[in-house]
Amino acid sequence: MALFDIPIAGLDGTPDLLARHRGTPLLVVNVASGCALAAGQYPALEALAHEHRADGLVVVGVPCNQFGAQEPGSAEEIAAQCSVRRITFPHTEKTEVNGAGRHPLYTALTPLTDAEGHNGDVRWNFEKFLVSAAGHPVGRFAPTIDPQAPGLLKAVRDQLR
């Protein structure tokens, strides 16, 4: 099953956010407005989304409050934070990425192993998963990896060909 078939609502409540992007590569990132990493990660993700939008890449933010309770707000509060930060890429509804309440999207993503040999549970906010245009996980990047890092950019560009 392609990840595009996994139902997840947008932050605004519209259904099937992933299905709307069927056939395009995705970079799925669990995000948290209150995380110290947000100051660097959010602008770099926005730049990546902007730079490769015409090529078909879609960055998808997945708000999650499981790490240090750093995304406690409502959908409206999260949207307001994105607006203040000038973040334009789409966000899903607030979601659990680990544990018994793990969303099926993350059940499909977390078996993937990153360059450091990590698979399984998401480690922290801003862990990144690259999904092919066919809807299959093809890359995983640690939370501290800059979205503009050469290895991540190469992986993204390889999916755009």
N, C-alpha and C. Protein backbone atom coordinates (compact mmCIF):
# COMPACT_ATOMS: atom_id res chain seq x y z
N MET A 1 0.84 -1.18 0.00
CA MET A 1 0.00 0.00 0.00
C MET A 1 0.89 1.25 0.00
N ALA A 2 0.55 2.22 -0.85
CA ALA A 2 1.27 3.48 -0.90
C ALA A 2 0.86 4.35 0.29
N LEU A 3 1.78 5.15 0.77
CA LEU A 3 1.47 6.04 1.88
C LEU A 3 0.35 7.02 1.54
N PHE A 4 0.17 7.30 0.26
CA PHE A 4 -0.90 8.22 -0.15
C PHE A 4 -2.28 7.67 0.20
N ASP A 5 -2.37 6.36 0.43
CA ASP A 5 -3.65 5.72 0.76
C ASP A 5 -3.96 5.77 2.26
N ILE A 6 -3.03 6.25 3.06
CA ILE A 6 -3.25 6.33 4.50
C ILE A 6 -4.00 7.62 4.81
N PRO A 7 -5.20 7.51 5.36
CA PRO A 7 -5.96 8.73 5.63
C PRO A 7 -5.39 9.52 6.81
N ILE A 8 -5.19 10.79 6.58
CA ILE A 8 -4.81 11.73 7.63
C ILE A 8 -5.31 13.11 7.20
N ALA A 9 -5.95 13.78 8.12
CA ALA A 9 -6.53 15.09 7.81
C ALA A 9 -5.46 16.18 7.83
N GLY A 10 -5.75 17.25 7.12
CA GLY A 10 -4.92 18.42 7.19
C GLY A 10 -5.15 19.15 8.50
N LEU A 11 -4.30 20.08 8.82
CA LEU A 11 -4.43 20.85 10.05
C LEU A 11 -5.76 21.58 10.12
N ASP A 12 -6.29 21.93 8.95
CA ASP A 12 -7.58 22.62 8.90
C ASP A 12 -8.77 21.67 8.91
N GLY A 13 -8.50 20.36 9.03
CA GLY A 13 -9.57 19.37 9.11
C GLY A 13 -9.98 18.76 7.78
N THR A 14 -9.44 19.26 6.67
CA THR A 14 -9.80 18.67 5.39
C THR A 14 -9.23 17.25 5.32
N PRO A 15 -10.00 16.32 4.77
CA PRO A 15 -9.56 14.92 4.78
C PRO A 15 -8.48 14.62 3.73
N ASP A 16 -7.78 13.52 3.98
CA ASP A 16 -6.88 12.91 3.00
C ASP A 16 -5.80 13.85 2.45
N LEU A 17 -5.06 14.46 3.34
CA LEU A 17 -3.98 15.36 2.93
C LEU A 17 -2.97 14.66 2.03
N LEU A 18 -2.58 13.45 2.38
CA LEU A 18 -1.57 12.75 1.59
C LEU A 18 -2.10 12.39 0.20
N ALA A 19 -3.35 11.97 0.13
CA ALA A 19 -3.93 11.57 -1.16
C ALA A 19 -3.92 12.73 -2.15
N ARG A 20 -4.03 13.94 -1.66
CA ARG A 20 -4.02 15.11 -2.55
C ARG A 20 -2.67 15.32 -3.21
N HIS A 21 -1.64 14.66 -2.69
CA HIS A 21 -0.29 14.82 -3.23
C HIS A 21 0.22 13.53 -3.90
N ARG A 22 -0.71 12.65 -4.20
CA ARG A 22 -0.36 11.38 -4.87
C ARG A 22 0.48 11.65 -6.11
N GLY A 23 1.54 10.88 -6.26
CA GLY A 23 2.38 11.00 -7.44
C GLY A 23 3.51 12.01 -7.31
N THR A 24 3.65 12.60 -6.14
CA THR A 24 4.76 13.53 -5.92
C THR A 24 5.58 13.08 -4.72
N PRO A 25 6.87 13.31 -4.74
CA PRO A 25 7.69 12.98 -3.57
C PRO A 25 7.31 13.87 -2.39
N LEU A 26 7.39 13.29 -1.20
CA LEU A 26 7.07 14.00 0.03
C LEU A 26 8.26 13.94 0.98
N LEU A 27 8.42 14.99 1.76
CA LEU A 27 9.31 14.95 2.91
C LEU A 27 8.40 15.16 4.11
N VAL A 28 8.20 14.09 4.88
CA VAL A 28 7.30 14.10 6.03
C VAL A 28 8.13 14.34 7.29
N VAL A 29 7.75 15.38 8.05
CA VAL A 29 8.56 15.80 9.19
C VAL A 29 7.65 16.02 10.39
N ASN A 30 7.93 15.33 11.51
CA ASN A 30 7.17 15.63 12.73
C ASN A 30 7.71 16.93 13.31
N VAL A 31 6.81 17.88 13.55
CA VAL A 31 7.20 19.23 13.93
C VAL A 31 6.63 19.61 15.30
N ALA A 32 7.27 20.59 15.92
CA ALA A 32 6.81 21.13 17.19
C ALA A 32 7.27 22.58 17.30
N SER A 33 6.32 23.48 17.39
CA SER A 33 6.61 24.91 17.42
C SER A 33 7.49 25.33 18.57
N GLY A 34 7.36 24.67 19.73
CA GLY A 34 8.10 25.06 20.93
C GLY A 34 9.46 24.41 21.07
N CYS A 35 9.85 23.61 20.11
CA CYS A 35 11.13 22.91 20.16
C CYS A 35 12.28 23.87 19.82
N ALA A 36 13.41 23.72 20.51
CA ALA A 36 14.58 24.54 20.21
C ALA A 36 15.04 24.36 18.77
N LEU A 37 14.81 23.18 18.20
CA LEU A 37 15.21 22.94 16.81
C LEU A 37 14.36 23.73 15.81
N ALA A 38 13.18 24.17 16.22
CA ALA A 38 12.26 24.84 15.30
C ALA A 38 12.87 26.09 14.67
N ALA A 39 13.65 26.82 15.43
CA ALA A 39 14.22 28.08 14.92
C ALA A 39 15.07 27.87 13.67
N GLY A 40 15.77 26.76 13.59
CA GLY A 40 16.58 26.47 12.41
C GLY A 40 15.89 25.57 11.41
N GLN A 41 15.16 24.58 11.92
CA GLN A 41 14.54 23.59 11.04
C GLN A 41 13.39 24.16 10.21
N TYR A 42 12.50 24.91 10.85
CA TYR A 42 11.34 25.44 10.11
C TYR A 42 11.77 26.30 8.92
N PRO A 43 12.66 27.28 9.07
CA PRO A 43 13.05 28.08 7.90
C PRO A 43 13.76 27.25 6.83
N ALA A 44 14.57 26.30 7.26
CA ALA A 44 15.28 25.46 6.28
C ALA A 44 14.31 24.55 5.54
N LEU A 45 13.30 24.03 6.23
CA LEU A 45 12.28 23.22 5.56
C LEU A 45 11.46 24.07 4.59
N GLU A 46 11.13 25.28 4.99
CA GLU A 46 10.38 26.18 4.11
C GLU A 46 11.20 26.49 2.86
N ALA A 47 12.49 26.75 3.04
CA ALA A 47 13.36 27.02 1.89
C ALA A 47 13.42 25.82 0.96
N LEU A 48 13.55 24.62 1.52
CA LEU A 48 13.57 23.40 0.71
C LEU A 48 12.26 23.24 -0.05
N ALA A 49 11.15 23.45 0.64
CA ALA A 49 9.84 23.33 -0.01
C ALA A 49 9.71 24.33 -1.15
N HIS A 50 10.13 25.55 -0.90
CA HIS A 50 10.03 26.61 -1.92
C HIS A 50 10.94 26.31 -3.11
N GLU A 51 12.16 25.89 -2.81
CA GLU A 51 13.16 25.64 -3.86
C GLU A 51 12.73 24.51 -4.80
N HIS A 52 12.05 23.50 -4.27
CA HIS A 52 11.72 22.32 -5.08
C HIS A 52 10.23 22.15 -5.37
N ARG A 53 9.43 23.15 -5.03
CA ARG A 53 7.99 23.09 -5.27
C ARG A 53 7.69 22.87 -6.75
N ALA A 54 8.36 23.61 -7.63
CA ALA A 54 8.11 23.49 -9.06
C ALA A 54 8.53 22.11 -9.59
N ASP A 55 9.45 21.46 -8.89
CA ASP A 55 9.90 20.12 -9.28
C ASP A 55 8.97 19.03 -8.75
N GLY A 56 8.03 19.41 -7.88
CA GLY A 56 7.05 18.45 -7.39
C GLY A 56 7.19 18.04 -5.94
N LEU A 57 8.26 18.45 -5.26
CA LEU A 57 8.41 18.07 -3.85
C LEU A 57 7.37 18.76 -2.98
N VAL A 58 6.80 18.02 -2.05
CA VAL A 58 5.91 18.59 -1.05
C VAL A 58 6.47 18.24 0.33
N VAL A 59 6.75 19.25 1.13
CA VAL A 59 7.12 19.06 2.53
C VAL A 59 5.81 19.03 3.31
N VAL A 60 5.68 18.04 4.20
CA VAL A 60 4.47 17.90 5.01
C VAL A 60 4.88 17.91 6.48
N GLY A 61 4.40 18.90 7.22
CA GLY A 61 4.64 18.96 8.65
C GLY A 61 3.59 18.15 9.39
N VAL A 62 4.03 17.40 10.38
CA VAL A 62 3.13 16.57 11.18
C VAL A 62 3.29 17.02 12.64
N PRO A 63 2.42 17.92 13.11
CA PRO A 63 2.53 18.38 14.49
C PRO A 63 2.39 17.22 15.47
N CYS A 64 3.28 17.21 16.46
CA CYS A 64 3.29 16.13 17.45
C CYS A 64 3.70 16.72 18.80
N ASN A 65 2.99 16.32 19.83
CA ASN A 65 3.25 16.83 21.18
C ASN A 65 3.90 15.77 22.07
N GLN A 66 4.47 14.73 21.50
CA GLN A 66 5.01 13.63 22.29
C GLN A 66 6.42 13.86 22.84
N PHE A 67 7.10 14.88 22.38
CA PHE A 67 8.48 15.10 22.81
C PHE A 67 8.56 16.41 23.59
N GLY A 68 8.61 16.30 24.90
CA GLY A 68 8.72 17.47 25.75
C GLY A 68 7.50 18.37 25.74
N ALA A 69 6.37 17.85 25.30
CA ALA A 69 5.12 18.64 25.23
C ALA A 69 5.37 19.98 24.54
N GLN A 70 6.06 19.94 23.40
CA GLN A 70 6.47 21.16 22.71
C GLN A 70 5.53 21.58 21.58
N GLU A 71 4.40 20.89 21.45
CA GLU A 71 3.36 21.28 20.50
C GLU A 71 2.00 21.11 21.16
N PRO A 72 1.74 21.85 22.26
CA PRO A 72 0.52 21.63 23.03
C PRO A 72 -0.73 22.30 22.46
N GLY A 73 -0.57 23.19 21.51
CA GLY A 73 -1.67 24.02 21.05
C GLY A 73 -2.70 23.32 20.20
N SER A 74 -3.78 24.03 19.98
CA SER A 74 -4.86 23.58 19.09
C SER A 74 -4.41 23.74 17.63
N ALA A 75 -5.21 23.23 16.72
CA ALA A 75 -4.92 23.39 15.30
C ALA A 75 -4.82 24.87 14.94
N GLU A 76 -5.69 25.69 15.50
CA GLU A 76 -5.66 27.12 15.22
C GLU A 76 -4.37 27.77 15.74
N GLU A 77 -3.93 27.34 16.92
CA GLU A 77 -2.70 27.89 17.48
C GLU A 77 -1.48 27.44 16.67
N ILE A 78 -1.48 26.21 16.21
CA ILE A 78 -0.37 25.72 15.38
C ILE A 78 -0.34 26.49 14.06
N ALA A 79 -1.50 26.69 13.45
CA ALA A 79 -1.58 27.45 12.20
C ALA A 79 -1.08 28.88 12.41
N ALA A 80 -1.42 29.47 13.55
CA ALA A 80 -0.97 30.84 13.84
C ALA A 80 0.56 30.88 13.98
N GLN A 81 1.14 29.87 14.64
CA GLN A 81 2.60 29.80 14.76
C GLN A 81 3.25 29.68 13.38
N CYS A 82 2.66 28.88 12.52
CA CYS A 82 3.19 28.74 11.15
C CYS A 82 3.11 30.08 10.41
N SER A 83 2.01 30.77 10.58
CA SER A 83 1.84 32.06 9.92
C SER A 83 2.89 33.06 10.39
N VAL A 84 3.12 33.12 11.69
CA VAL A 84 4.12 34.03 12.25
C VAL A 84 5.51 33.71 11.69
N ARG A 85 5.79 32.43 11.54
CA ARG A 85 7.10 31.99 11.04
C ARG A 85 7.17 32.01 9.51
N ARG A 86 6.06 32.35 8.86
CA ARG A 86 5.95 32.36 7.39
C ARG A 86 6.19 30.98 6.79
N ILE A 87 5.60 29.99 7.42
CA ILE A 87 5.67 28.61 6.94
C ILE A 87 4.43 28.35 6.09
N THR A 88 4.66 27.94 4.85
CA THR A 88 3.54 27.76 3.92
C THR A 88 3.28 26.31 3.53
N PHE A 89 4.21 25.40 3.85
CA PHE A 89 3.98 24.01 3.46
C PHE A 89 2.86 23.42 4.31
N PRO A 90 2.15 22.42 3.78
CA PRO A 90 0.99 21.87 4.49
C PRO A 90 1.36 21.12 5.76
N HIS A 91 0.42 21.13 6.69
CA HIS A 91 0.55 20.39 7.95
C HIS A 91 -0.66 19.49 8.11
N THR A 92 -0.43 18.36 8.74
CA THR A 92 -1.51 17.44 9.07
C THR A 92 -2.12 17.83 10.41
N GLU A 93 -3.16 17.12 10.76
CA GLU A 93 -3.69 17.23 12.11
C GLU A 93 -2.61 16.79 13.10
N LYS A 94 -2.74 17.20 14.36
CA LYS A 94 -1.78 16.78 15.38
C LYS A 94 -1.86 15.27 15.52
N THR A 95 -0.70 14.64 15.59
CA THR A 95 -0.61 13.19 15.46
C THR A 95 0.41 12.62 16.44
N GLU A 96 0.16 11.40 16.88
CA GLU A 96 1.16 10.66 17.66
C GLU A 96 2.02 9.85 16.70
N VAL A 97 3.33 9.90 16.92
CA VAL A 97 4.26 9.20 16.03
C VAL A 97 4.86 7.95 16.68
N ASN A 98 4.69 7.81 17.98
CA ASN A 98 5.21 6.66 18.72
C ASN A 98 4.13 6.12 19.65
N GLY A 99 4.36 4.92 20.15
CA GLY A 99 3.51 4.35 21.19
C GLY A 99 2.22 3.74 20.68
N ALA A 100 1.35 3.42 21.62
CA ALA A 100 0.10 2.73 21.31
C ALA A 100 -0.81 3.54 20.40
N GLY A 101 -0.71 4.86 20.46
CA GLY A 101 -1.55 5.72 19.62
C GLY A 101 -0.88 6.14 18.32
N ARG A 102 0.23 5.48 17.97
CA ARG A 102 0.97 5.83 16.75
C ARG A 102 0.03 5.82 15.55
N HIS A 103 0.09 6.88 14.78
CA HIS A 103 -0.72 6.97 13.57
C HIS A 103 -0.21 5.95 12.54
N PRO A 104 -1.11 5.37 11.72
CA PRO A 104 -0.68 4.41 10.70
C PRO A 104 0.38 4.95 9.74
N LEU A 105 0.40 6.25 9.52
CA LEU A 105 1.46 6.84 8.69
C LEU A 105 2.82 6.51 9.27
N TYR A 106 2.96 6.68 10.58
CA TYR A 106 4.25 6.41 11.21
C TYR A 106 4.51 4.93 11.42
N THR A 107 3.46 4.13 11.45
CA THR A 107 3.66 2.67 11.45
C THR A 107 4.33 2.26 10.14
N ALA A 108 3.98 2.93 9.05
CA ALA A 108 4.57 2.64 7.75
C ALA A 108 5.97 3.24 7.60
N LEU A 109 6.22 4.38 8.23
CA LEU A 109 7.50 5.07 8.05
C LEU A 109 8.62 4.55 8.96
N THR A 110 8.31 4.23 10.20
CA THR A 110 9.37 3.99 11.19
C THR A 110 10.21 2.72 11.01
N PRO A 111 9.78 1.72 10.24
CA PRO A 111 10.71 0.60 10.02
C PRO A 111 11.94 0.98 9.19
N LEU A 112 11.87 2.08 8.46
CA LEU A 112 12.98 2.53 7.62
C LEU A 112 14.19 2.85 8.49
N THR A 113 15.37 2.48 8.04
CA THR A 113 16.62 2.71 8.76
C THR A 113 17.33 3.93 8.18
N ASP A 114 17.86 4.80 9.06
CA ASP A 114 18.60 5.97 8.60
C ASP A 114 20.08 5.64 8.42
N ALA A 115 20.87 6.62 8.03
CA ALA A 115 22.30 6.43 7.77
C ALA A 115 23.08 6.03 9.01
N GLU A 116 22.53 6.33 10.19
CA GLU A 116 23.20 5.98 11.45
C GLU A 116 22.80 4.59 11.94
N GLY A 117 21.92 3.92 11.18
CA GLY A 117 21.47 2.59 11.56
C GLY A 117 20.26 2.57 12.47
N HIS A 118 19.61 3.73 12.67
CA HIS A 118 18.44 3.79 13.54
C HIS A 118 17.17 3.50 12.75
N ASN A 119 16.34 2.64 13.33
CA ASN A 119 14.97 2.46 12.83
C ASN A 119 14.08 2.32 14.06
N GLY A 120 12.80 2.19 13.83
CA GLY A 120 11.87 2.12 14.96
C GLY A 120 11.40 3.49 15.37
N ASP A 121 11.15 3.66 16.66
CA ASP A 121 10.54 4.89 17.17
C ASP A 121 11.25 6.15 16.67
N VAL A 122 10.44 7.17 16.45
CA VAL A 122 10.95 8.51 16.15
C VAL A 122 11.68 9.00 17.40
N ARG A 123 12.84 9.60 17.23
CA ARG A 123 13.68 9.99 18.36
C ARG A 123 13.33 11.35 18.95
N TRP A 124 12.91 12.29 18.11
CA TRP A 124 12.65 13.65 18.60
C TRP A 124 11.93 14.42 17.51
N ASN A 125 11.58 15.64 17.81
CA ASN A 125 10.95 16.53 16.84
C ASN A 125 11.88 16.73 15.64
N PHE A 126 11.29 16.88 14.49
CA PHE A 126 11.97 17.18 13.24
C PHE A 126 12.73 16.00 12.63
N GLU A 127 12.32 14.77 12.95
CA GLU A 127 12.84 13.62 12.22
C GLU A 127 12.16 13.63 10.85
N LYS A 128 12.93 13.35 9.81
CA LYS A 128 12.45 13.52 8.44
C LYS A 128 12.39 12.18 7.71
N PHE A 129 11.32 11.99 6.94
CA PHE A 129 11.14 10.78 6.14
C PHE A 129 10.86 11.20 4.70
N LEU A 130 11.67 10.71 3.78
CA LEU A 130 11.47 10.98 2.37
C LEU A 130 10.64 9.86 1.77
N VAL A 131 9.61 10.25 1.03
CA VAL A 131 8.68 9.30 0.41
C VAL A 131 8.73 9.49 -1.10
N SER A 132 8.84 8.40 -1.83
CA SER A 132 8.91 8.48 -3.29
C SER A 132 7.57 8.88 -3.89
N ALA A 133 7.60 9.25 -5.15
CA ALA A 133 6.36 9.60 -5.87
C ALA A 133 5.40 8.41 -5.95
N ALA A 134 5.94 7.20 -5.79
CA ALA A 134 5.10 6.00 -5.78
C ALA A 134 4.50 5.75 -4.39
N GLY A 135 4.90 6.54 -3.40
CA GLY A 135 4.33 6.42 -2.06
C GLY A 135 5.06 5.48 -1.14
N HIS A 136 6.34 5.24 -1.39
CA HIS A 136 7.12 4.33 -0.56
C HIS A 136 8.22 5.08 0.19
N PRO A 137 8.43 4.78 1.47
CA PRO A 137 9.52 5.42 2.22
C PRO A 137 10.87 5.06 1.61
N VAL A 138 11.70 6.07 1.35
CA VAL A 138 13.00 5.82 0.73
C VAL A 138 14.17 6.45 1.48
N GLY A 139 13.89 7.27 2.48
CA GLY A 139 14.97 7.91 3.22
C GLY A 139 14.50 8.37 4.59
N ARG A 140 15.40 8.30 5.54
CA ARG A 140 15.11 8.74 6.91
C ARG A 140 16.30 9.54 7.39
N PHE A 141 16.01 10.68 8.04
CA PHE A 141 17.06 11.60 8.47
C PHE A 141 16.80 12.04 9.90
N ALA A 142 17.84 12.02 10.69
CA ALA A 142 17.76 12.36 12.12
C ALA A 142 17.23 13.78 12.32
N PRO A 143 16.67 14.04 13.50
CA PRO A 143 16.11 15.36 13.79
C PRO A 143 17.10 16.51 13.61
N THR A 144 18.35 16.29 13.93
CA THR A 144 19.34 17.37 13.85
C THR A 144 19.91 17.58 12.46
N ILE A 145 19.59 16.71 11.51
CA ILE A 145 20.07 16.89 10.14
C ILE A 145 19.39 18.12 9.55
N ASP A 146 20.20 19.03 9.06
CA ASP A 146 19.68 20.25 8.43
C ASP A 146 19.00 19.87 7.11
N PRO A 147 17.81 20.41 6.85
CA PRO A 147 17.13 20.12 5.58
C PRO A 147 17.93 20.54 4.35
N GLN A 148 18.95 21.36 4.54
CA GLN A 148 19.81 21.78 3.43
C GLN A 148 21.12 20.98 3.39
N ALA A 149 21.25 19.94 4.21
CA ALA A 149 22.46 19.12 4.24
C ALA A 149 22.62 18.40 2.91
N PRO A 150 23.86 18.26 2.43
CA PRO A 150 24.09 17.65 1.13
C PRO A 150 23.46 16.28 0.95
N GLY A 151 23.53 15.41 1.95
CA GLY A 151 22.97 14.07 1.82
C GLY A 151 21.46 14.08 1.67
N LEU A 152 20.79 14.94 2.42
CA LEU A 152 19.34 15.05 2.31
C LEU A 152 18.96 15.66 0.96
N LEU A 153 19.68 16.71 0.54
CA LEU A 153 19.38 17.33 -0.76
C LEU A 153 19.58 16.35 -1.91
N LYS A 154 20.64 15.55 -1.83
CA LYS A 154 20.86 14.55 -2.89
C LYS A 154 19.71 13.55 -2.93
N ALA A 155 19.29 13.08 -1.77
CA ALA A 155 18.18 12.12 -1.71
C ALA A 155 16.91 12.72 -2.29
N VAL A 156 16.64 13.98 -1.97
CA VAL A 156 15.45 14.66 -2.51
C VAL A 156 15.57 14.77 -4.03
N ARG A 157 16.70 15.24 -4.50
CA ARG A 157 16.89 15.42 -5.96
C ARG A 157 16.78 14.09 -6.70
N ASP A 158 17.27 13.02 -6.09
CA ASP A 158 17.15 11.70 -6.73
C ASP A 158 15.68 11.30 -6.91
N GLN A 159 14.81 11.75 -6.01
CA GLN A 159 13.38 11.42 -6.12
C GLN A 159 12.67 12.32 -7.13
N LEU A 160 13.28 13.42 -7.50
CA LEU A 160 12.66 14.36 -8.43
C LEU A 160 12.97 14.02 -9.87
N ARG A 161 13.80 13.04 -10.11
CA ARG A 161 14.20 12.68 -11.48
C ARG A 161 13.21 11.74 -12.11
